[in-house]
Amino acid sequence: MKKGDTVHRQWGASEAEGEIEKKHTETVTKTIKGTKVKRKATADKPAYEIKQADGSKVLKSESELKKGSR
């Protein structure tokens, strides 16, 4: 997966979709909506910052994502 790719993920009983903005290959901590979010990332198991359709951002591990739209 790379910047610009559309991805989706499970979110409760539904799915959320967004576009990858940044790939992280080292452990990363971001403050999103006032909450600190941390993902352990490596070159083999990266984490991604994703911009959702409503403009909000999320930080997810590659294992939490599926490539393509819903």
Protein backbone atom coordinates (compact mmCIF):
# COMPACT_ATOMS: atom_id res chain seq x y z
CA MET A 1 0.00 0.00 0.00
CA LYS A 2 1.18 3.50 -0.74
CA LYS A 3 0.20 7.18 -0.51
CA GLY A 4 -2.95 7.88 -2.52
CA ASP A 5 -4.33 4.33 -2.28
CA THR A 6 -7.96 3.93 -1.23
CA VAL A 7 -8.39 1.58 1.72
CA HIS A 8 -11.22 0.46 3.96
CA ARG A 9 -11.42 -1.01 7.45
CA GLN A 10 -13.91 -2.55 9.83
CA TRP A 11 -15.52 0.06 12.07
CA GLY A 12 -18.09 -1.33 14.49
CA ALA A 13 -20.83 -3.05 12.50
CA SER A 14 -19.91 -1.22 9.29
CA GLU A 15 -16.82 -0.20 7.32
CA ALA A 16 -14.98 3.09 6.94
CA GLU A 17 -13.09 4.19 3.84
CA GLY A 18 -10.31 6.67 3.23
CA GLU A 19 -7.12 7.54 1.35
CA ILE A 20 -3.60 6.89 2.59
CA GLU A 21 -1.77 10.17 3.27
CA LYS A 22 1.43 8.90 4.90
CA LYS A 23 3.24 5.60 5.55
CA HIS A 24 5.20 5.07 8.79
CA THR A 25 7.91 2.42 9.14
CA GLU A 26 8.83 3.25 12.75
CA THR A 27 6.70 3.43 15.88
CA VAL A 28 4.54 6.55 15.66
CA THR A 29 2.37 8.51 18.10
CA LYS A 30 -0.11 11.10 16.82
CA THR A 31 -2.69 13.24 18.58
CA ILE A 32 -5.98 12.82 16.73
CA LYS A 33 -9.12 14.59 17.97
CA GLY A 34 -7.36 15.25 21.29
CA THR A 35 -6.43 11.58 21.86
CA LYS A 36 -2.92 10.16 21.58
CA VAL A 37 -2.85 7.21 19.18
CA LYS A 38 0.21 4.96 18.96
CA ARG A 39 1.05 2.26 16.44
CA LYS A 40 4.14 0.07 16.45
CA ALA A 41 5.36 0.03 12.87
CA THR A 42 8.27 -1.55 10.99
CA ALA A 43 9.32 -1.74 7.35
CA ASP A 44 7.55 -5.13 7.15
CA LYS A 45 4.47 -4.04 9.12
CA PRO A 46 3.91 -0.31 8.47
CA ALA A 47 1.29 2.02 9.91
CA TYR A 48 -0.68 4.51 7.81
CA GLU A 49 -2.27 7.91 8.32
CA ILE A 50 -5.59 7.85 6.51
CA LYS A 51 -7.84 10.78 5.59
CA GLN A 52 -11.47 9.76 5.64
CA ALA A 53 -14.23 11.13 3.42
CA ASP A 54 -15.41 13.52 6.16
CA GLY A 55 -11.90 14.99 6.41
CA SER A 56 -10.99 13.38 9.73
CA LYS A 57 -7.77 11.39 10.08
CA VAL A 58 -7.03 7.99 11.60
CA LEU A 59 -3.81 6.07 12.26
CA LYS A 60 -4.02 2.35 11.46
CA SER A 61 -1.68 -0.62 11.16
CA GLU A 62 -1.50 -2.38 7.81
CA SER A 63 -3.12 -5.46 9.37
CA GLU A 64 -6.28 -3.39 10.10
CA LEU A 65 -6.71 -2.31 6.47
CA LYS A 66 -7.98 -3.77 3.22
CA LYS A 67 -6.95 -2.24 -0.09
CA GLY A 68 -9.63 -0.78 -2.38
CA SER A 69 -13.01 0.76 -1.76
CA ARG A 70 -15.79 -0.97 0.17
